[in-house]
Amino acid sequence: MEECIFCKIVDNEIHSFCVYEDADFKVIMDKFPAQKGHVLIIPKDHSTNIFDISDDAAAKIYPLAKKLSIAIKETLCADGINIVQNNGKAANQAVFHFHLHIIPRYVDDGVKLNTPTNYVTSDAEILEVADLIRNKLNS
C-alpha cells in the first residue's frame, strides 16, 4: 500500500521507536500516546482492519499482546492495561492498517480512550520508555 503510513513504518521508510520486531509484526511506541508506554502492534502484512486480517496474523497477535502487556505492566508498574483495536471510521480508526493498541493504565489516571489526549511527551521520553520495554522483553 503506497500511501499507508504503517506500511512505510514497517518498511523503515518512516522513523519509529521500535520495541519489538519479528517476521510477522513490528511493535512501536505510539507517537501520540494516550499514556506513557502506549505501544502499537502492527502486522507486517497490510490489512485494513479485523475484517480482512489473515487468520494466521489474528492467531499470532494475542500471544504477542500478552507478552508485551506483561512487560509493560511490570516495567511501568501499571495498575492495568487497555488493549484497543478500532475498526472503521465510525469506531475512530485513524490509520487504515490493522493495529492493536496496548495502553498502560493507572487508577484515576483520567485517560479517556478515543478522545484527544492532553498527555504530552518528547521523543527522548518515548525512546527511554521504548528502551525499558525492549529490555524487559529481552530479559
N, C-alpha and C. Protein backbone atom coordinates (compact mmCIF):
# COMPACT_ATOMS: atom_id res chain seq x y z
N MET A 1 0.85 -1.18 0.00
CA MET A 1 0.00 0.00 0.00
C MET A 1 0.90 1.24 0.00
N GLU A 2 0.94 1.95 -1.11
CA GLU A 2 1.85 3.07 -1.29
C GLU A 2 1.63 4.20 -0.29
N GLU A 3 0.40 4.49 0.10
CA GLU A 3 0.11 5.63 0.94
C GLU A 3 -0.13 5.27 2.41
N CYS A 4 0.08 4.04 2.78
CA CYS A 4 -0.17 3.60 4.15
C CYS A 4 1.03 3.93 5.04
N ILE A 5 0.80 4.78 6.03
CA ILE A 5 1.89 5.19 6.92
C ILE A 5 2.46 4.01 7.69
N PHE A 6 1.62 3.05 8.09
CA PHE A 6 2.14 1.91 8.83
C PHE A 6 2.94 0.98 7.94
N CYS A 7 2.57 0.84 6.67
CA CYS A 7 3.39 0.06 5.74
C CYS A 7 4.76 0.71 5.59
N LYS A 8 4.78 2.04 5.55
CA LYS A 8 6.06 2.76 5.44
C LYS A 8 6.89 2.60 6.71
N ILE A 9 6.24 2.55 7.86
CA ILE A 9 6.96 2.31 9.12
C ILE A 9 7.50 0.89 9.14
N VAL A 10 6.69 -0.08 8.74
CA VAL A 10 7.14 -1.48 8.68
C VAL A 10 8.35 -1.62 7.75
N ASP A 11 8.34 -0.88 6.63
CA ASP A 11 9.43 -0.93 5.65
C ASP A 11 10.59 0.01 6.00
N ASN A 12 10.54 0.63 7.18
CA ASN A 12 11.57 1.56 7.64
C ASN A 12 11.75 2.78 6.74
N GLU A 13 10.70 3.15 6.03
CA GLU A 13 10.73 4.38 5.23
C GLU A 13 10.43 5.58 6.12
N ILE A 14 9.75 5.35 7.23
CA ILE A 14 9.44 6.38 8.21
C ILE A 14 9.99 5.92 9.55
N HIS A 15 10.66 6.83 10.26
CA HIS A 15 11.25 6.51 11.56
C HIS A 15 10.17 6.17 12.59
N SER A 16 10.48 5.21 13.43
CA SER A 16 9.62 4.87 14.57
C SER A 16 10.51 4.40 15.70
N PHE A 17 9.95 4.35 16.90
CA PHE A 17 10.66 3.81 18.05
C PHE A 17 10.18 2.38 18.23
N CYS A 18 10.94 1.46 17.67
CA CYS A 18 10.56 0.04 17.68
C CYS A 18 11.01 -0.60 18.99
N VAL A 19 10.08 -1.34 19.61
CA VAL A 19 10.43 -2.07 20.83
C VAL A 19 10.51 -3.58 20.60
N TYR A 20 9.95 -4.03 19.47
CA TYR A 20 9.96 -5.46 19.18
C TYR A 20 9.68 -5.65 17.70
N GLU A 21 10.32 -6.65 17.11
CA GLU A 21 10.04 -6.98 15.71
C GLU A 21 10.33 -8.45 15.49
N ASP A 22 9.46 -9.09 14.72
CA ASP A 22 9.70 -10.46 14.29
C ASP A 22 9.26 -10.56 12.83
N ALA A 23 9.13 -11.77 12.31
CA ALA A 23 8.78 -11.94 10.90
C ALA A 23 7.38 -11.44 10.57
N ASP A 24 6.49 -11.37 11.56
CA ASP A 24 5.09 -11.03 11.31
C ASP A 24 4.66 -9.65 11.80
N PHE A 25 5.33 -9.11 12.82
CA PHE A 25 4.87 -7.88 13.47
C PHE A 25 6.01 -6.92 13.75
N LYS A 26 5.65 -5.66 13.80
CA LYS A 26 6.54 -4.62 14.30
C LYS A 26 5.77 -3.92 15.41
N VAL A 27 6.41 -3.74 16.57
CA VAL A 27 5.78 -3.06 17.70
C VAL A 27 6.52 -1.75 17.92
N ILE A 28 5.75 -0.66 17.90
CA ILE A 28 6.34 0.66 18.02
C ILE A 28 5.67 1.45 19.14
N MET A 29 6.38 2.42 19.64
CA MET A 29 5.80 3.37 20.58
C MET A 29 4.83 4.26 19.80
N ASP A 30 3.66 4.51 20.37
CA ASP A 30 2.69 5.41 19.73
C ASP A 30 3.25 6.83 19.79
N LYS A 31 3.27 7.51 18.64
CA LYS A 31 3.80 8.87 18.56
C LYS A 31 2.90 9.87 19.29
N PHE A 32 1.62 9.53 19.44
CA PHE A 32 0.65 10.38 20.15
C PHE A 32 -0.02 9.54 21.24
N PRO A 33 0.75 9.20 22.28
CA PRO A 33 0.26 8.23 23.27
C PRO A 33 -0.87 8.76 24.14
N ALA A 34 -1.76 7.85 24.50
CA ALA A 34 -2.80 8.15 25.48
C ALA A 34 -2.21 8.13 26.88
N GLN A 35 -1.09 7.43 27.04
CA GLN A 35 -0.44 7.27 28.35
C GLN A 35 1.01 6.88 28.09
N LYS A 36 1.89 7.17 29.01
CA LYS A 36 3.29 6.77 28.92
C LYS A 36 3.37 5.25 28.73
N GLY A 37 4.10 4.82 27.70
CA GLY A 37 4.27 3.39 27.44
C GLY A 37 3.29 2.81 26.44
N HIS A 38 2.44 3.64 25.84
CA HIS A 38 1.44 3.21 24.85
C HIS A 38 2.18 2.71 23.59
N VAL A 39 1.94 1.45 23.23
CA VAL A 39 2.56 0.86 22.04
C VAL A 39 1.50 0.40 21.05
N LEU A 40 1.96 0.20 19.82
CA LEU A 40 1.11 -0.32 18.74
C LEU A 40 1.74 -1.60 18.20
N ILE A 41 0.94 -2.65 18.06
CA ILE A 41 1.38 -3.85 17.38
C ILE A 41 0.86 -3.75 15.95
N ILE A 42 1.77 -3.75 14.99
CA ILE A 42 1.41 -3.58 13.58
C ILE A 42 1.80 -4.85 12.82
N PRO A 43 0.84 -5.55 12.23
CA PRO A 43 1.19 -6.68 11.37
C PRO A 43 1.97 -6.17 10.16
N LYS A 44 2.97 -6.92 9.74
CA LYS A 44 3.77 -6.50 8.58
C LYS A 44 2.98 -6.60 7.29
N ASP A 45 2.09 -7.58 7.19
CA ASP A 45 1.24 -7.70 6.00
C ASP A 45 0.07 -6.74 6.16
N HIS A 46 -0.15 -5.93 5.15
CA HIS A 46 -1.22 -4.94 5.22
C HIS A 46 -2.60 -5.61 5.20
N SER A 47 -3.40 -5.20 6.14
CA SER A 47 -4.84 -5.48 6.12
C SER A 47 -5.48 -4.23 6.72
N THR A 48 -6.66 -3.91 6.27
CA THR A 48 -7.29 -2.66 6.69
C THR A 48 -7.78 -2.73 8.14
N ASN A 49 -8.39 -3.85 8.52
CA ASN A 49 -8.99 -3.95 9.85
C ASN A 49 -9.24 -5.41 10.19
N ILE A 50 -9.98 -5.65 11.24
CA ILE A 50 -10.26 -7.01 11.71
C ILE A 50 -10.98 -7.85 10.66
N PHE A 51 -11.69 -7.17 9.77
CA PHE A 51 -12.49 -7.88 8.78
C PHE A 51 -11.68 -8.52 7.68
N ASP A 52 -10.43 -8.06 7.50
CA ASP A 52 -9.63 -8.69 6.44
C ASP A 52 -8.23 -9.11 6.89
N ILE A 53 -7.95 -9.07 8.19
CA ILE A 53 -6.66 -9.58 8.66
C ILE A 53 -6.64 -11.10 8.45
N SER A 54 -5.49 -11.63 8.13
CA SER A 54 -5.40 -13.08 7.91
C SER A 54 -5.64 -13.82 9.23
N ASP A 55 -6.16 -15.03 9.11
CA ASP A 55 -6.38 -15.85 10.30
C ASP A 55 -5.05 -16.15 11.00
N ASP A 56 -3.99 -16.31 10.22
CA ASP A 56 -2.67 -16.59 10.78
C ASP A 56 -2.20 -15.41 11.64
N ALA A 57 -2.30 -14.19 11.12
CA ALA A 57 -1.90 -13.00 11.89
C ALA A 57 -2.80 -12.83 13.11
N ALA A 58 -4.08 -13.05 12.94
CA ALA A 58 -5.02 -12.92 14.06
C ALA A 58 -4.68 -13.91 15.18
N ALA A 59 -4.29 -15.11 14.81
CA ALA A 59 -3.95 -16.13 15.81
C ALA A 59 -2.65 -15.80 16.54
N LYS A 60 -1.75 -15.09 15.90
CA LYS A 60 -0.45 -14.78 16.50
C LYS A 60 -0.45 -13.49 17.31
N ILE A 61 -1.41 -12.60 17.08
CA ILE A 61 -1.30 -11.27 17.68
C ILE A 61 -1.57 -11.26 19.18
N TYR A 62 -2.50 -12.07 19.67
CA TYR A 62 -2.80 -12.01 21.11
C TYR A 62 -1.72 -12.64 21.99
N PRO A 63 -1.06 -13.70 21.58
CA PRO A 63 0.09 -14.13 22.40
C PRO A 63 1.16 -13.03 22.49
N LEU A 64 1.38 -12.31 21.40
CA LEU A 64 2.32 -11.19 21.43
C LEU A 64 1.78 -10.06 22.31
N ALA A 65 0.50 -9.77 22.22
CA ALA A 65 -0.11 -8.73 23.06
C ALA A 65 0.04 -9.09 24.54
N LYS A 66 -0.12 -10.35 24.87
CA LYS A 66 0.04 -10.79 26.27
C LYS A 66 1.47 -10.57 26.72
N LYS A 67 2.44 -10.98 25.91
CA LYS A 67 3.85 -10.82 26.24
C LYS A 67 4.20 -9.35 26.45
N LEU A 68 3.74 -8.49 25.57
CA LEU A 68 4.01 -7.05 25.69
C LEU A 68 3.30 -6.45 26.90
N SER A 69 2.06 -6.86 27.13
CA SER A 69 1.30 -6.34 28.26
C SER A 69 1.99 -6.65 29.58
N ILE A 70 2.50 -7.86 29.71
CA ILE A 70 3.22 -8.24 30.93
C ILE A 70 4.47 -7.38 31.08
N ALA A 71 5.23 -7.22 30.00
CA ALA A 71 6.45 -6.42 30.06
C ALA A 71 6.15 -4.97 30.41
N ILE A 72 5.12 -4.41 29.81
CA ILE A 72 4.77 -3.01 30.07
C ILE A 72 4.26 -2.84 31.49
N LYS A 73 3.38 -3.73 31.93
CA LYS A 73 2.83 -3.64 33.28
C LYS A 73 3.94 -3.70 34.33
N GLU A 74 4.85 -4.65 34.16
CA GLU A 74 5.95 -4.80 35.13
C GLU A 74 6.94 -3.65 35.03
N THR A 75 7.28 -3.22 33.83
CA THR A 75 8.27 -2.16 33.63
C THR A 75 7.79 -0.82 34.16
N LEU A 76 6.52 -0.50 33.90
CA LEU A 76 6.00 0.82 34.25
C LEU A 76 5.11 0.80 35.50
N CYS A 77 5.05 -0.36 36.18
CA CYS A 77 4.24 -0.51 37.40
C CYS A 77 2.80 -0.06 37.17
N ALA A 78 2.25 -0.43 36.03
CA ALA A 78 0.87 -0.07 35.69
C ALA A 78 -0.11 -0.87 36.55
N ASP A 79 -1.25 -0.25 36.83
CA ASP A 79 -2.30 -0.92 37.58
C ASP A 79 -3.14 -1.82 36.67
N GLY A 80 -3.12 -1.54 35.39
CA GLY A 80 -3.89 -2.30 34.42
C GLY A 80 -3.42 -1.99 33.01
N ILE A 81 -4.06 -2.62 32.04
CA ILE A 81 -3.71 -2.46 30.63
C ILE A 81 -5.01 -2.40 29.83
N ASN A 82 -5.09 -1.46 28.90
CA ASN A 82 -6.15 -1.48 27.89
C ASN A 82 -5.56 -2.04 26.61
N ILE A 83 -6.29 -2.94 25.99
CA ILE A 83 -5.95 -3.41 24.65
C ILE A 83 -7.09 -2.95 23.77
N VAL A 84 -6.76 -2.10 22.80
CA VAL A 84 -7.78 -1.45 21.98
C VAL A 84 -7.49 -1.70 20.51
N GLN A 85 -8.54 -1.95 19.76
CA GLN A 85 -8.39 -2.13 18.32
C GLN A 85 -9.66 -1.58 17.67
N ASN A 86 -9.52 -0.53 16.87
CA ASN A 86 -10.66 0.14 16.24
C ASN A 86 -10.81 -0.33 14.79
N ASN A 87 -12.05 -0.47 14.35
CA ASN A 87 -12.34 -0.96 13.00
C ASN A 87 -13.32 -0.05 12.29
N GLY A 88 -12.80 0.75 11.37
CA GLY A 88 -13.64 1.64 10.59
C GLY A 88 -13.71 3.05 11.18
N LYS A 89 -14.04 3.98 10.33
CA LYS A 89 -14.11 5.38 10.71
C LYS A 89 -15.09 5.60 11.87
N ALA A 90 -16.23 4.92 11.85
CA ALA A 90 -17.23 5.09 12.90
C ALA A 90 -16.70 4.64 14.26
N ALA A 91 -15.71 3.76 14.25
CA ALA A 91 -15.11 3.26 15.50
C ALA A 91 -13.83 4.01 15.84
N ASN A 92 -13.64 5.16 15.20
CA ASN A 92 -12.47 6.02 15.43
C ASN A 92 -11.16 5.43 14.95
N GLN A 93 -11.22 4.55 13.94
CA GLN A 93 -9.98 4.08 13.34
C GLN A 93 -9.38 5.24 12.54
N ALA A 94 -8.13 5.59 12.87
CA ALA A 94 -7.49 6.74 12.22
C ALA A 94 -6.52 6.31 11.13
N VAL A 95 -5.86 5.17 11.33
CA VAL A 95 -4.94 4.64 10.32
C VAL A 95 -5.53 3.33 9.83
N PHE A 96 -5.74 3.24 8.54
CA PHE A 96 -6.45 2.09 7.98
C PHE A 96 -5.49 0.96 7.60
N HIS A 97 -4.75 0.54 8.60
CA HIS A 97 -3.89 -0.64 8.58
C HIS A 97 -4.13 -1.26 9.96
N PHE A 98 -4.59 -2.50 10.00
CA PHE A 98 -4.89 -3.14 11.27
C PHE A 98 -3.75 -2.90 12.26
N HIS A 99 -4.08 -2.54 13.49
CA HIS A 99 -3.10 -2.40 14.55
C HIS A 99 -3.81 -2.52 15.89
N LEU A 100 -3.05 -2.95 16.87
CA LEU A 100 -3.57 -3.16 18.21
C LEU A 100 -2.83 -2.22 19.17
N HIS A 101 -3.59 -1.46 19.94
CA HIS A 101 -3.02 -0.56 20.94
C HIS A 101 -2.89 -1.30 22.26
N ILE A 102 -1.75 -1.13 22.94
CA ILE A 102 -1.59 -1.59 24.31
C ILE A 102 -1.27 -0.35 25.13
N ILE A 103 -2.15 -0.05 26.08
CA ILE A 103 -2.06 1.21 26.83
C ILE A 103 -2.01 0.91 28.32
N PRO A 104 -0.89 1.26 28.98
CA PRO A 104 -0.83 1.08 30.43
C PRO A 104 -1.82 2.02 31.11
N ARG A 105 -2.40 1.56 32.20
CA ARG A 105 -3.38 2.36 32.93
C ARG A 105 -3.06 2.38 34.42
N TYR A 106 -3.49 3.47 35.03
CA TYR A 106 -3.28 3.69 36.46
C TYR A 106 -4.60 4.13 37.06
N VAL A 107 -4.83 3.76 38.32
CA VAL A 107 -6.06 4.15 39.00
C VAL A 107 -6.18 5.67 38.94
N ASP A 108 -7.37 6.13 38.52
CA ASP A 108 -7.67 7.56 38.45
C ASP A 108 -6.71 8.35 37.55
N ASP A 109 -6.23 7.72 36.45
CA ASP A 109 -5.28 8.43 35.57
C ASP A 109 -5.96 9.44 34.65
N GLY A 110 -7.29 9.40 34.56
CA GLY A 110 -8.01 10.38 33.76
C GLY A 110 -7.96 10.15 32.26
N VAL A 111 -7.34 9.08 31.83
CA VAL A 111 -7.26 8.80 30.39
C VAL A 111 -8.64 8.45 29.87
N LYS A 112 -9.01 9.08 28.78
CA LYS A 112 -10.26 8.77 28.10
C LYS A 112 -9.89 8.27 26.71
N LEU A 113 -10.22 7.03 26.44
CA LEU A 113 -9.85 6.45 25.15
C LEU A 113 -10.73 7.00 24.04
N ASN A 114 -10.14 7.05 22.86
CA ASN A 114 -10.82 7.54 21.64
C ASN A 114 -11.25 8.99 21.75
N THR A 115 -10.53 9.74 22.54
CA THR A 115 -10.75 11.18 22.62
C THR A 115 -9.37 11.84 22.60
N PRO A 116 -9.31 13.09 22.21
CA PRO A 116 -8.00 13.77 22.23
C PRO A 116 -7.39 13.72 23.63
N THR A 117 -6.09 13.61 23.68
CA THR A 117 -5.39 13.47 24.94
C THR A 117 -4.61 14.73 25.28
N ASN A 118 -4.42 14.98 26.54
CA ASN A 118 -3.57 16.07 26.99
C ASN A 118 -2.19 15.57 27.38
N TYR A 119 -1.98 14.26 27.23
CA TYR A 119 -0.68 13.69 27.59
C TYR A 119 0.35 14.19 26.59
N VAL A 120 1.37 14.84 27.09
CA VAL A 120 2.42 15.41 26.24
C VAL A 120 3.71 14.67 26.54
N THR A 121 4.44 14.35 25.50
CA THR A 121 5.69 13.62 25.67
C THR A 121 6.72 14.16 24.68
N SER A 122 7.93 13.75 24.87
CA SER A 122 9.01 14.12 23.96
C SER A 122 9.56 12.86 23.33
N ASP A 123 10.31 13.03 22.24
CA ASP A 123 10.95 11.88 21.62
C ASP A 123 11.90 11.20 22.61
N ALA A 124 12.58 11.99 23.44
CA ALA A 124 13.51 11.42 24.42
C ALA A 124 12.77 10.53 25.42
N GLU A 125 11.58 10.97 25.88
CA GLU A 125 10.82 10.15 26.83
C GLU A 125 10.30 8.89 26.14
N ILE A 126 9.82 9.04 24.90
CA ILE A 126 9.35 7.86 24.17
C ILE A 126 10.49 6.86 24.01
N LEU A 127 11.68 7.34 23.65
CA LEU A 127 12.83 6.46 23.47
C LEU A 127 13.22 5.79 24.79
N GLU A 128 13.18 6.54 25.88
CA GLU A 128 13.51 5.98 27.19
C GLU A 128 12.56 4.83 27.55
N VAL A 129 11.27 5.04 27.35
CA VAL A 129 10.29 4.01 27.66
C VAL A 129 10.44 2.83 26.71
N ALA A 130 10.72 3.12 25.44
CA ALA A 130 10.95 2.04 24.46
C ALA A 130 12.11 1.16 24.92
N ASP A 131 13.19 1.78 25.38
CA ASP A 131 14.34 1.02 25.87
C ASP A 131 13.97 0.15 27.06
N LEU A 132 13.17 0.69 27.99
CA LEU A 132 12.77 -0.07 29.17
C LEU A 132 11.95 -1.30 28.76
N ILE A 133 11.00 -1.11 27.86
CA ILE A 133 10.14 -2.22 27.43
C ILE A 133 10.97 -3.24 26.65
N ARG A 134 11.82 -2.75 25.75
CA ARG A 134 12.68 -3.63 24.95
C ARG A 134 13.55 -4.49 25.87
N ASN A 135 14.15 -3.85 26.87
CA ASN A 135 14.99 -4.59 27.82
C ASN A 135 14.21 -5.65 28.58
N LYS A 136 12.98 -5.32 28.97
CA LYS A 136 12.15 -6.30 29.69
C LYS A 136 11.81 -7.48 28.79
N LEU A 137 11.51 -7.20 27.51
CA LEU A 137 11.18 -8.28 26.58
C LEU A 137 12.36 -9.21 26.35
N ASN A 138 13.56 -8.66 26.42
CA ASN A 138 14.77 -9.44 26.18
C ASN A 138 15.34 -10.11 27.42
N SER A 139 14.69 -9.88 28.57
CA SER A 139 15.23 -10.47 29.81
C SER A 139 14.63 -11.84 30.09
